[in-house]
Protein backbone atom coordinates (compact mmCIF):
# COMPACT_ATOMS: atom_id res chain seq x y z
CA UNK A 1 -2.67 -21.34 -11.81
CA UNK A 2 0.80 -21.82 -13.57
CA UNK A 3 2.48 -25.22 -13.44
CA UNK A 4 4.01 -26.48 -11.19
CA UNK A 5 3.58 -24.72 -7.85
CA UNK A 6 7.31 -23.70 -7.31
CA UNK A 7 7.45 -21.39 -10.96
CA UNK A 8 7.78 -18.40 -8.86
CA UNK A 9 10.59 -20.01 -6.79
CA UNK A 10 12.28 -21.63 -10.01
CA UNK A 11 12.74 -18.45 -11.77
CA UNK A 12 13.90 -16.62 -8.96
CA UNK A 13 10.16 -13.79 -8.20
CA UNK A 14 11.02 -15.04 -4.53
CA UNK A 15 13.51 -12.60 -5.41
CA UNK A 16 11.56 -9.69 -6.56
CA UNK A 17 8.87 -10.33 -4.01
CA UNK A 18 11.89 -9.86 -1.07
CA UNK A 19 13.21 -6.81 -2.53
CA UNK A 20 9.75 -5.11 -2.91
CA UNK A 21 8.54 -6.06 1.25
CA UNK A 22 11.50 -4.23 1.81
CA UNK A 23 10.71 -1.34 0.12
CA UNK A 24 7.46 -1.05 1.25
CA UNK A 25 6.58 2.26 3.89
CA UNK A 26 4.37 0.42 6.00
CA UNK A 27 2.83 -2.67 7.59
CA UNK A 28 0.26 -2.57 5.10
CA UNK A 29 1.76 -2.46 2.15
CA UNK A 30 4.24 -5.48 3.27
CA UNK A 31 1.09 -7.38 3.97
CA UNK A 32 0.03 -6.70 0.67
CA UNK A 33 3.39 -8.50 -1.52
CA UNK A 34 2.11 -11.94 -0.28
CA UNK A 35 -1.31 -11.68 -2.35
CA UNK A 36 0.41 -10.35 -5.59
CA UNK A 37 0.22 -12.96 -7.90
CA UNK A 38 2.56 -14.10 -10.70
CA UNK A 39 0.79 -12.40 -14.03
CA UNK A 40 0.05 -13.99 -17.68
CA UNK A 41 -2.90 -12.06 -18.73
CA UNK A 42 -2.09 -9.53 -21.04
CA UNK A 43 -4.52 -6.62 -20.40
CA UNK A 44 -4.20 -7.32 -16.12
CA UNK A 45 -0.22 -6.47 -16.79
CA UNK A 46 -0.77 -3.23 -19.49
CA UNK A 47 -3.40 -2.02 -16.32
CA UNK A 48 -0.88 -2.62 -13.55
CA UNK A 49 2.00 -1.19 -15.94
CA UNK A 50 -0.04 1.72 -16.08
CA UNK A 51 -1.09 2.13 -12.75
CA UNK A 52 2.68 1.91 -11.42
CA UNK A 53 3.89 4.25 -14.49
CA UNK A 54 0.66 7.21 -13.29
CA UNK A 55 2.62 6.81 -9.48
CA UNK A 56 5.39 7.11 -10.43
CA UNK A 57 4.79 10.27 -12.32
CA UNK A 58 2.91 11.58 -8.95
CA UNK A 59 5.46 10.66 -6.51
CA UNK A 60 8.13 12.40 -8.96
CA UNK A 61 6.14 15.54 -9.91
CA UNK A 62 7.05 18.99 -9.29
CA UNK A 63 4.21 18.52 -6.51
CA UNK A 64 4.70 16.99 -3.23
CA UNK A 65 2.70 13.87 -2.65
CA UNK A 66 1.55 13.89 0.84
CA UNK A 67 2.99 9.87 2.05
CA UNK A 68 4.16 10.48 5.53
CA UNK A 69 1.55 10.06 8.00
CA UNK A 70 0.25 6.01 7.20
CA UNK A 71 0.43 3.82 9.75
CA UNK A 72 -1.74 0.50 10.18
CA UNK A 73 -4.37 1.91 12.53
CA UNK A 74 -6.84 -1.87 11.45
CA UNK A 75 -6.16 -2.80 15.33
CA UNK A 76 -7.13 0.35 17.11
CA UNK A 77 -9.99 0.73 14.95
CA UNK A 78 -11.12 -2.98 16.06
CA UNK A 79 -11.13 -2.14 19.11
CA UNK A 80 -12.51 1.22 19.43
CA UNK A 81 -15.19 -0.79 17.50
CA UNK A 82 -16.68 -2.56 20.90
CA UNK A 83 -19.02 0.34 22.39
CA UNK A 84 -17.67 1.23 25.50
CA UNK A 85 -13.77 0.53 24.44
CA UNK A 86 -11.00 3.56 24.04
CA UNK A 87 -8.05 3.43 23.05
CA UNK A 88 -4.30 5.38 23.95
CA UNK A 89 -3.73 8.73 23.06
CA UNK A 90 -0.77 7.41 21.13
CA UNK A 91 -2.94 5.32 18.81
CA UNK A 92 -6.13 8.59 19.22
CA UNK A 93 -3.43 10.39 17.00
CA UNK A 94 -1.84 7.71 14.87
CA UNK A 95 -5.58 7.68 13.76
CA UNK A 96 -5.66 11.44 13.12
CA UNK A 97 -2.12 11.53 11.75
CA UNK A 98 -3.23 8.89 8.99
CA UNK A 99 -6.60 10.19 8.53
CA UNK A 100 -4.84 14.07 7.82
CA UNK A 101 -2.78 12.14 5.26
CA UNK A 102 -5.16 10.47 3.20
CA UNK A 103 -7.00 14.01 3.43
CA UNK A 104 -4.32 15.40 2.51
CA UNK A 105 -3.81 12.68 -0.19
CA UNK A 106 -7.54 13.22 -1.55
CA UNK A 107 -6.31 16.92 -1.81
CA UNK A 108 -3.17 16.76 -3.63
CA UNK A 109 -5.21 14.57 -6.22
CA UNK A 110 -8.32 16.31 -6.73
CA UNK A 111 -6.13 19.84 -7.65
CA UNK A 112 -3.07 17.80 -9.07
CA UNK A 113 -5.55 15.02 -11.51
């Protein structure tokens, strides 16, 4: 923990969070932003920077990374878990598109990296 509790706000890190949240493509990404914490450990920072550089290389490469088609389907899947429950046609379509996009991402990563 960093002392004081208001450290991130005092250094303006809250503005970084707001900007990052605005750049998220989905509700799942926006929900992840508040869970991100200010880092001070060098190895953790290095790992995060490496992962970020790798993702930037992937989405900036010649091949088109299949990013479109991801929906937040958690609510639909929770309802579908209940025996006898159904999902609407629109929810089913979002689930199908999301699964197709995830399969496309897996194929992209297997063939490209």
